[in-house]
Every structure is written in structure tokens, then in C-alpha cells.
Amino acid sequence: MDLLEKVKQLEQTHKPHKPLQPRHFAESIMQLKTREERAKALEQVPTDVRHIVRFYVASEYAKRQRKPLPDLESRKEPT
């Protein structure tokens, strides 16, 4: 299923008066497996919201790359 089919599916599940938001495009793109698929899907996003979708996708990947901070309380030396 390509991005346009997913978008049509999302449009059917949303109220007719509510337009599709950039976060919906980003959500669909994030479900794709390869970088090439994601780049191709991003090209299909309307140009007026493409930069916002690109930001959402990049932000989500940045969050996924961050490692949790170590638990400093458990590393305290006994006094």
C-alpha cells in the first residue's frame, strides 16, 4: 500500500469537514521500512505542508536515536 492509499484511508476515517493534517502524513511515512520508501512518500506529500512533514519525521527519528540517561541514583557510592 503506497502513501496515497494510506492517505485516502485516513481521509475516510476522519470527519469530512476536517482536512488531513501534516502529522497524518508523517505518521504514514514513519511506518515505512526503508529510507528510499520514506523519501519517495515524502515527494507525494503536498508541497505546502512538505516541510512540516519533513520536520515531524526528522524529529521522531531524532527521538528514537537518543539513548536514555543513566540512572545516577543507583551509581552513588555508599557513605
PDB file of N, CA and C in Angstrom:
ATOM      1  N   MET A   1       0.854  -1.180   0.000  1.00  0.00           N
ATOM      2  CA  MET A   1       0.000   0.000   0.000  1.00  0.00           C
ATOM      3  C   MET A   1       0.893   1.234   0.000  1.00  0.00           C
ATOM      4  N   ASP A   2       0.695   2.096  -0.959  1.00  0.00           N
ATOM      5  CA  ASP A   2       1.523   3.296  -1.024  1.00  0.00           C
ATOM      6  C   ASP A   2       0.915   4.421  -0.183  1.00  0.00           C
ATOM      7  N   LEU A   3       1.617   5.501  -0.102  1.00  0.00           N
ATOM      8  CA  LEU A   3       1.214   6.614   0.763  1.00  0.00           C
ATOM      9  C   LEU A   3      -0.144   7.171   0.372  1.00  0.00           C
ATOM     10  N   LEU A   4      -0.407   7.303  -0.921  1.00  0.00           N
ATOM     11  CA  LEU A   4      -1.681   7.880  -1.335  1.00  0.00           C
ATOM     12  C   LEU A   4      -2.859   7.011  -0.910  1.00  0.00           C
ATOM     13  N   GLU A   5      -2.696   5.701  -0.948  1.00  0.00           N
ATOM     14  CA  GLU A   5      -3.753   4.807  -0.489  1.00  0.00           C
ATOM     15  C   GLU A   5      -3.970   4.950   1.010  1.00  0.00           C
ATOM     16  N   LYS A   6      -2.872   5.082   1.769  1.00  0.00           N
ATOM     17  CA  LYS A   6      -2.991   5.273   3.204  1.00  0.00           C
ATOM     18  C   LYS A   6      -3.670   6.600   3.525  1.00  0.00           C
ATOM     19  N   VAL A   7      -3.334   7.629   2.767  1.00  0.00           N
ATOM     20  CA  VAL A   7      -3.935   8.936   2.984  1.00  0.00           C
ATOM     21  C   VAL A   7      -5.430   8.874   2.697  1.00  0.00           C
ATOM     22  N   LYS A   8      -5.812   8.194   1.616  1.00  0.00           N
ATOM     23  CA  LYS A   8      -7.233   8.055   1.302  1.00  0.00           C
ATOM     24  C   LYS A   8      -7.963   7.313   2.412  1.00  0.00           C
ATOM     25  N   GLN A   9      -7.300   6.296   2.971  1.00  0.00           N
ATOM     26  CA  GLN A   9      -7.868   5.553   4.085  1.00  0.00           C
ATOM     27  C   GLN A   9      -8.070   6.471   5.293  1.00  0.00           C
ATOM     28  N   LEU A  10      -7.072   7.290   5.588  1.00  0.00           N
ATOM     29  CA  LEU A  10      -7.188   8.224   6.705  1.00  0.00           C
ATOM     30  C   LEU A  10      -8.301   9.238   6.470  1.00  0.00           C
ATOM     31  N   GLU A  11      -8.422   9.714   5.233  1.00  0.00           N
ATOM     32  CA  GLU A  11      -9.462  10.681   4.921  1.00  0.00           C
ATOM     33  C   GLU A  11     -10.853  10.097   5.125  1.00  0.00           C
ATOM     34  N   GLN A  12     -11.005   8.811   4.835  1.00  0.00           N
ATOM     35  CA  GLN A  12     -12.297   8.167   5.011  1.00  0.00           C
ATOM     36  C   GLN A  12     -12.647   8.006   6.485  1.00  0.00           C
ATOM     37  N   THR A  13     -11.657   7.830   7.332  1.00  0.00           N
ATOM     38  CA  THR A  13     -11.930   7.629   8.747  1.00  0.00           C
ATOM     39  C   THR A  13     -12.135   8.942   9.489  1.00  0.00           C
ATOM     40  N   HIS A  14     -11.724  10.056   8.914  1.00  0.00           N
ATOM     41  CA  HIS A  14     -11.880  11.361   9.550  1.00  0.00           C
ATOM     42  C   HIS A  14     -13.171  12.016   9.098  1.00  0.00           C
ATOM     43  N   LYS A  15     -13.620  12.954   9.880  1.00  0.00           N
ATOM     44  CA  LYS A  15     -14.832  13.696   9.532  1.00  0.00           C
ATOM     45  C   LYS A  15     -14.591  14.451   8.224  1.00  0.00           C
ATOM     46  N   PRO A  16     -15.602  14.533   7.372  1.00  0.00           N
ATOM     47  CA  PRO A  16     -15.414  15.182   6.075  1.00  0.00           C
ATOM     48  C   PRO A  16     -14.990  16.641   6.156  1.00  0.00           C
ATOM     49  N   HIS A  17     -15.391  17.362   7.204  1.00  0.00           N
ATOM     50  CA  HIS A  17     -15.047  18.776   7.290  1.00  0.00           C
ATOM     51  C   HIS A  17     -13.654  19.020   7.853  1.00  0.00           C
ATOM     52  N   LYS A  18     -13.029  17.971   8.374  1.00  0.00           N
ATOM     53  CA  LYS A  18     -11.702  18.139   8.959  1.00  0.00           C
ATOM     54  C   LYS A  18     -10.633  17.766   7.926  1.00  0.00           C
ATOM     55  N   PRO A  19      -9.812  18.716   7.487  1.00  0.00           N
ATOM     56  CA  PRO A  19      -8.779  18.394   6.491  1.00  0.00           C
ATOM     57  C   PRO A  19      -7.671  17.535   7.094  1.00  0.00           C
ATOM     58  N   LEU A  20      -7.001  16.785   6.245  1.00  0.00           N
ATOM     59  CA  LEU A  20      -5.902  15.939   6.679  1.00  0.00           C
ATOM     60  C   LEU A  20      -4.735  16.808   7.132  1.00  0.00           C
ATOM     61  N   GLN A  21      -4.176  16.500   8.272  1.00  0.00           N
ATOM     62  CA  GLN A  21      -3.113  17.299   8.874  1.00  0.00           C
ATOM     63  C   GLN A  21      -1.731  16.747   8.494  1.00  0.00           C
ATOM     64  N   PRO A  22      -0.694  17.580   8.556  1.00  0.00           N
ATOM     65  CA  PRO A  22       0.660  17.118   8.252  1.00  0.00           C
ATOM     66  C   PRO A  22       1.107  15.944   9.135  1.00  0.00           C
ATOM     67  N   ARG A  23       0.643  15.909  10.378  1.00  0.00           N
ATOM     68  CA  ARG A  23       1.051  14.809  11.261  1.00  0.00           C
ATOM     69  C   ARG A  23       0.526  13.458  10.765  1.00  0.00           C
ATOM     70  N   HIS A  24      -0.598  13.469  10.023  1.00  0.00           N
ATOM     71  CA  HIS A  24      -1.108  12.223   9.471  1.00  0.00           C
ATOM     72  C   HIS A  24      -0.192  11.706   8.364  1.00  0.00           C
ATOM     73  N   PHE A  25       0.296  12.625   7.550  1.00  0.00           N
ATOM     74  CA  PHE A  25       1.264  12.231   6.525  1.00  0.00           C
ATOM     75  C   PHE A  25       2.525  11.677   7.191  1.00  0.00           C
ATOM     76  N   ALA A  26       3.004  12.359   8.222  1.00  0.00           N
ATOM     77  CA  ALA A  26       4.224  11.927   8.914  1.00  0.00           C
ATOM     78  C   ALA A  26       4.033  10.552   9.551  1.00  0.00           C
ATOM     79  N   GLU A  27       2.871  10.325  10.123  1.00  0.00           N
ATOM     80  CA  GLU A  27       2.587   9.030  10.739  1.00  0.00           C
ATOM     81  C   GLU A  27       2.667   7.904   9.714  1.00  0.00           C
ATOM     82  N   SER A  28       2.105   8.138   8.534  1.00  0.00           N
ATOM     83  CA  SER A  28       2.161   7.134   7.471  1.00  0.00           C
ATOM     84  C   SER A  28       3.590   6.901   7.007  1.00  0.00           C
ATOM     85  N   ILE A  29       4.355   7.966   6.881  1.00  0.00           N
ATOM     86  CA  ILE A  29       5.742   7.850   6.425  1.00  0.00           C
ATOM     87  C   ILE A  29       6.585   7.109   7.455  1.00  0.00           C
ATOM     88  N   MET A  30       6.341   7.345   8.728  1.00  0.00           N
ATOM     89  CA  MET A  30       7.127   6.697   9.782  1.00  0.00           C
ATOM     90  C   MET A  30       6.923   5.176   9.793  1.00  0.00           C
ATOM     91  N   GLN A  31       5.835   4.700   9.246  1.00  0.00           N
ATOM     92  CA  GLN A  31       5.565   3.267   9.223  1.00  0.00           C
ATOM     93  C   GLN A  31       6.319   2.542   8.111  1.00  0.00           C
ATOM     94  N   LEU A  32       6.909   3.288   7.194  1.00  0.00           N
ATOM     95  CA  LEU A  32       7.663   2.679   6.096  1.00  0.00           C
ATOM     96  C   LEU A  32       9.010   2.189   6.592  1.00  0.00           C
ATOM     97  N   LYS A  33       9.533   1.146   5.961  1.00  0.00           N
ATOM     98  CA  LYS A  33      10.728   0.469   6.461  1.00  0.00           C
ATOM     99  C   LYS A  33      12.050   1.087   6.006  1.00  0.00           C
ATOM    100  N   THR A  34      12.135   1.489   4.747  1.00  0.00           N
ATOM    101  CA  THR A  34      13.433   1.942   4.237  1.00  0.00           C
ATOM    102  C   THR A  34      13.450   3.443   4.001  1.00  0.00           C
ATOM    103  N   ARG A  35      14.649   3.989   3.974  1.00  0.00           N
ATOM    104  CA  ARG A  35      14.834   5.417   3.725  1.00  0.00           C
ATOM    105  C   ARG A  35      14.341   5.790   2.327  1.00  0.00           C
ATOM    106  N   GLU A  36      14.547   4.911   1.360  1.00  0.00           N
ATOM    107  CA  GLU A  36      14.115   5.174  -0.012  1.00  0.00           C
ATOM    108  C   GLU A  36      12.593   5.260  -0.092  1.00  0.00           C
ATOM    109  N   GLU A  37      11.906   4.345   0.603  1.00  0.00           N
ATOM    110  CA  GLU A  37      10.438   4.386   0.627  1.00  0.00           C
ATOM    111  C   GLU A  37       9.943   5.681   1.258  1.00  0.00           C
ATOM    112  N   ARG A  38      10.597   6.080   2.343  1.00  0.00           N
ATOM    113  CA  ARG A  38      10.191   7.304   3.026  1.00  0.00           C
ATOM    114  C   ARG A  38      10.429   8.532   2.153  1.00  0.00           C
ATOM    115  N   ALA A  39      11.552   8.567   1.441  1.00  0.00           N
ATOM    116  CA  ALA A  39      11.846   9.701   0.558  1.00  0.00           C
ATOM    117  C   ALA A  39      10.836   9.773  -0.585  1.00  0.00           C
ATOM    118  N   LYS A  40      10.483   8.626  -1.144  1.00  0.00           N
ATOM    119  CA  LYS A  40       9.506   8.585  -2.224  1.00  0.00           C
ATOM    120  C   LYS A  40       8.131   9.037  -1.724  1.00  0.00           C
ATOM    121  N   ALA A  41       7.770   8.602  -0.522  1.00  0.00           N
ATOM    122  CA  ALA A  41       6.479   9.000   0.050  1.00  0.00           C
ATOM    123  C   ALA A  41       6.456  10.492   0.355  1.00  0.00           C
ATOM    124  N   LEU A  42       7.568  11.033   0.799  1.00  0.00           N
ATOM    125  CA  LEU A  42       7.631  12.462   1.113  1.00  0.00           C
ATOM    126  C   LEU A  42       7.421  13.303  -0.148  1.00  0.00           C
ATOM    127  N   GLU A  43       7.863  12.796  -1.291  1.00  0.00           N
ATOM    128  CA  GLU A  43       7.659  13.502  -2.548  1.00  0.00           C
ATOM    129  C   GLU A  43       6.178  13.583  -2.914  1.00  0.00           C
ATOM    130  N   GLN A  44       5.370  12.649  -2.413  1.00  0.00           N
ATOM    131  CA  GLN A  44       3.946  12.613  -2.718  1.00  0.00           C
ATOM    132  C   GLN A  44       3.124  13.548  -1.821  1.00  0.00           C
ATOM    133  N   VAL A  45       3.745  14.064  -0.771  1.00  0.00           N
ATOM    134  CA  VAL A  45       3.060  14.977   0.146  1.00  0.00           C
ATOM    135  C   VAL A  45       2.883  16.325  -0.553  1.00  0.00           C
ATOM    136  N   PRO A  46       1.729  16.978  -0.371  1.00  0.00           N
ATOM    137  CA  PRO A  46       1.539  18.305  -0.990  1.00  0.00           C
ATOM    138  C   PRO A  46       2.665  19.266  -0.599  1.00  0.00           C
ATOM    139  N   THR A  47       3.088  20.072  -1.558  1.00  0.00           N
ATOM    140  CA  THR A  47       4.260  20.931  -1.348  1.00  0.00           C
ATOM    141  C   THR A  47       4.066  21.968  -0.250  1.00  0.00           C
ATOM    142  N   ASP A  48       2.831  22.389  -0.013  1.00  0.00           N
ATOM    143  CA  ASP A  48       2.621  23.422   1.005  1.00  0.00           C
ATOM    144  C   ASP A  48       2.820  22.919   2.427  1.00  0.00           C
ATOM    145  N   VAL A  49       2.776  21.607   2.647  1.00  0.00           N
ATOM    146  CA  VAL A  49       2.990  21.060   4.004  1.00  0.00           C
ATOM    147  C   VAL A  49       4.200  20.131   4.075  1.00  0.00           C
ATOM    148  N   ARG A  50       4.904  19.974   2.967  1.00  0.00           N
ATOM    149  CA  ARG A  50       6.023  19.024   2.919  1.00  0.00           C
ATOM    150  C   ARG A  50       7.108  19.353   3.935  1.00  0.00           C
ATOM    151  N   HIS A  51       7.431  20.633   4.108  1.00  0.00           N
ATOM    152  CA  HIS A  51       8.485  20.999   5.055  1.00  0.00           C
ATOM    153  C   HIS A  51       8.073  20.677   6.491  1.00  0.00           C
ATOM    154  N   ILE A  52       6.792  20.788   6.785  1.00  0.00           N
ATOM    155  CA  ILE A  52       6.317  20.455   8.133  1.00  0.00           C
ATOM    156  C   ILE A  52       6.393  18.947   8.361  1.00  0.00           C
ATOM    157  N   VAL A  53       5.980  18.185   7.359  1.00  0.00           N
ATOM    158  CA  VAL A  53       6.029  16.721   7.462  1.00  0.00           C
ATOM    159  C   VAL A  53       7.473  16.263   7.613  1.00  0.00           C
ATOM    160  N   ARG A  54       8.376  16.854   6.840  1.00  0.00           N
ATOM    161  CA  ARG A  54       9.798  16.507   6.937  1.00  0.00           C
ATOM    162  C   ARG A  54      10.312  16.787   8.350  1.00  0.00           C
ATOM    163  N   PHE A  55       9.886  17.896   8.941  1.00  0.00           N
ATOM    164  CA  PHE A  55      10.282  18.234  10.314  1.00  0.00           C
ATOM    165  C   PHE A  55       9.766  17.189  11.305  1.00  0.00           C
ATOM    166  N   TYR A  56       8.496  16.801  11.177  1.00  0.00           N
ATOM    167  CA  TYR A  56       7.912  15.799  12.080  1.00  0.00           C
ATOM    168  C   TYR A  56       8.663  14.470  11.996  1.00  0.00           C
ATOM    169  N   VAL A  57       8.953  14.045  10.779  1.00  0.00           N
ATOM    170  CA  VAL A  57       9.651  12.770  10.592  1.00  0.00           C
ATOM    171  C   VAL A  57      11.065  12.851  11.160  1.00  0.00           C
ATOM    172  N   ALA A  58      11.777  13.924  10.876  1.00  0.00           N
ATOM    173  CA  ALA A  58      13.145  14.082  11.389  1.00  0.00           C
ATOM    174  C   ALA A  58      13.151  14.145  12.913  1.00  0.00           C
ATOM    175  N   SER A  59      12.172  14.826  13.492  1.00  0.00           N
ATOM    176  CA  SER A  59      12.097  14.928  14.952  1.00  0.00           C
ATOM    177  C   SER A  59      11.855  13.567  15.591  1.00  0.00           C
ATOM    178  N   GLU A  60      10.977  12.800  14.994  1.00  0.00           N
ATOM    179  CA  GLU A  60      10.679  11.472  15.545  1.00  0.00           C
ATOM    180  C   GLU A  60      11.900  10.571  15.473  1.00  0.00           C
ATOM    181  N   TYR A  61      12.628  10.619  14.372  1.00  0.00           N
ATOM    182  CA  TYR A  61      13.837   9.797  14.269  1.00  0.00           C
ATOM    183  C   TYR A  61      14.906  10.267  15.251  1.00  0.00           C
ATOM    184  N   ALA A  62      14.984  11.557  15.485  1.00  0.00           N
ATOM    185  CA  ALA A  62      15.942  12.069  16.470  1.00  0.00           C
ATOM    186  C   ALA A  62      15.588  11.557  17.865  1.00  0.00           C
ATOM    187  N   LYS A  63      14.298  11.524  18.174  1.00  0.00           N
ATOM    188  CA  LYS A  63      13.866  10.998  19.474  1.00  0.00           C
ATOM    189  C   LYS A  63      14.220   9.527  19.613  1.00  0.00           C
ATOM    190  N   ARG A  64      14.050   8.783  18.540  1.00  0.00           N
ATOM    191  CA  ARG A  64      14.347   7.344  18.585  1.00  0.00           C
ATOM    192  C   ARG A  64      15.837   7.071  18.750  1.00  0.00           C
ATOM    193  N   GLN A  65      16.677   7.977  18.273  1.00  0.00           N
ATOM    194  CA  GLN A  65      18.124   7.781  18.348  1.00  0.00           C
ATOM    195  C   GLN A  65      18.698   8.110  19.723  1.00  0.00           C
ATOM    196  N   ARG A  66      17.992   8.915  20.488  1.00  0.00           N
ATOM    197  CA  ARG A  66      18.500   9.295  21.806  1.00  0.00           C
ATOM    198  C   ARG A  66      18.470   8.104  22.746  1.00  0.00           C
ATOM    199  N   LYS A  67      19.518   7.970  23.489  1.00  0.00           N
ATOM    200  CA  LYS A  67      19.579   6.907  24.483  1.00  0.00           C
ATOM    201  C   LYS A  67      19.114   7.469  25.817  1.00  0.00           C
ATOM    202  N   PRO A  68      18.481   6.644  26.638  1.00  0.00           N
ATOM    203  CA  PRO A  68      18.047   7.149  27.938  1.00  0.00           C
ATOM    204  C   PRO A  68      19.240   7.515  28.811  1.00  0.00           C
ATOM    205  N   LEU A  69      19.035   8.489  29.648  1.00  0.00           N
ATOM    206  CA  LEU A  69      20.097   8.914  30.551  1.00  0.00           C
ATOM    207  C   LEU A  69      20.344   7.826  31.596  1.00  0.00           C
ATOM    208  N   PRO A  70      21.578   7.663  32.022  1.00  0.00           N
ATOM    209  CA  PRO A  70      21.850   6.642  33.034  1.00  0.00           C
ATOM    210  C   PRO A  70      21.222   7.031  34.368  1.00  0.00           C
ATOM    211  N   ASP A  71      20.902   6.027  35.142  1.00  0.00           N
ATOM    212  CA  ASP A  71      20.320   6.253  36.454  1.00  0.00           C
ATOM    213  C   ASP A  71      21.446   6.586  37.426  1.00  0.00           C
ATOM    214  N   LEU A  72      21.595   7.861  37.723  1.00  0.00           N
ATOM    215  CA  LEU A  72      22.704   8.305  38.568  1.00  0.00           C
ATOM    216  C   LEU A  72      22.498   7.929  40.034  1.00  0.00           C
ATOM    217  N   GLU A  73      21.261   7.778  40.451  1.00  0.00           N
ATOM    218  CA  GLU A  73      20.992   7.429  41.842  1.00  0.00           C
ATOM    219  C   GLU A  73      21.534   6.045  42.184  1.00  0.00           C
ATOM    220  N   SER A  74      21.462   5.119  41.261  1.00  0.00           N
ATOM    221  CA  SER A  74      21.923   3.757  41.538  1.00  0.00           C
ATOM    222  C   SER A  74      23.450   3.675  41.514  1.00  0.00           C
ATOM    223  N   ARG A  75      24.119   4.683  40.992  1.00  0.00           N
ATOM    224  CA  ARG A  75      25.590   4.679  40.916  1.00  0.00           C
ATOM    225  C   ARG A  75      26.266   5.367  42.093  1.00  0.00           C
ATOM    226  N   LYS A  76      25.494   5.880  43.017  1.00  0.00           N
ATOM    227  CA  LYS A  76      26.071   6.550  44.161  1.00  0.00           C
ATOM    228  C   LYS A  76      26.897   5.566  44.988  1.00  0.00           C
ATOM    229  N   GLU A  77      28.019   6.047  45.421  1.00  0.00           N
ATOM    230  CA  GLU A  77      28.847   5.196  46.290  1.00  0.00           C
ATOM    231  C   GLU A  77      28.287   5.215  47.700  1.00  0.00           C
ATOM    232  N   PRO A  78      28.358   4.102  48.388  1.00  0.00           N
ATOM    233  CA  PRO A  78      27.846   4.074  49.769  1.00  0.00           C
ATOM    234  C   PRO A  78      28.690   4.965  50.671  1.00  0.00           C
ATOM    235  N   THR A  79      28.024   5.626  51.594  1.00  0.00           N
ATOM    236  CA  THR A  79      28.749   6.524  52.519  1.00  0.00           C
ATOM    237  C   THR A  79      28.796   5.944  53.911  1.00  0.00           C
TER     238      THR A  79
END
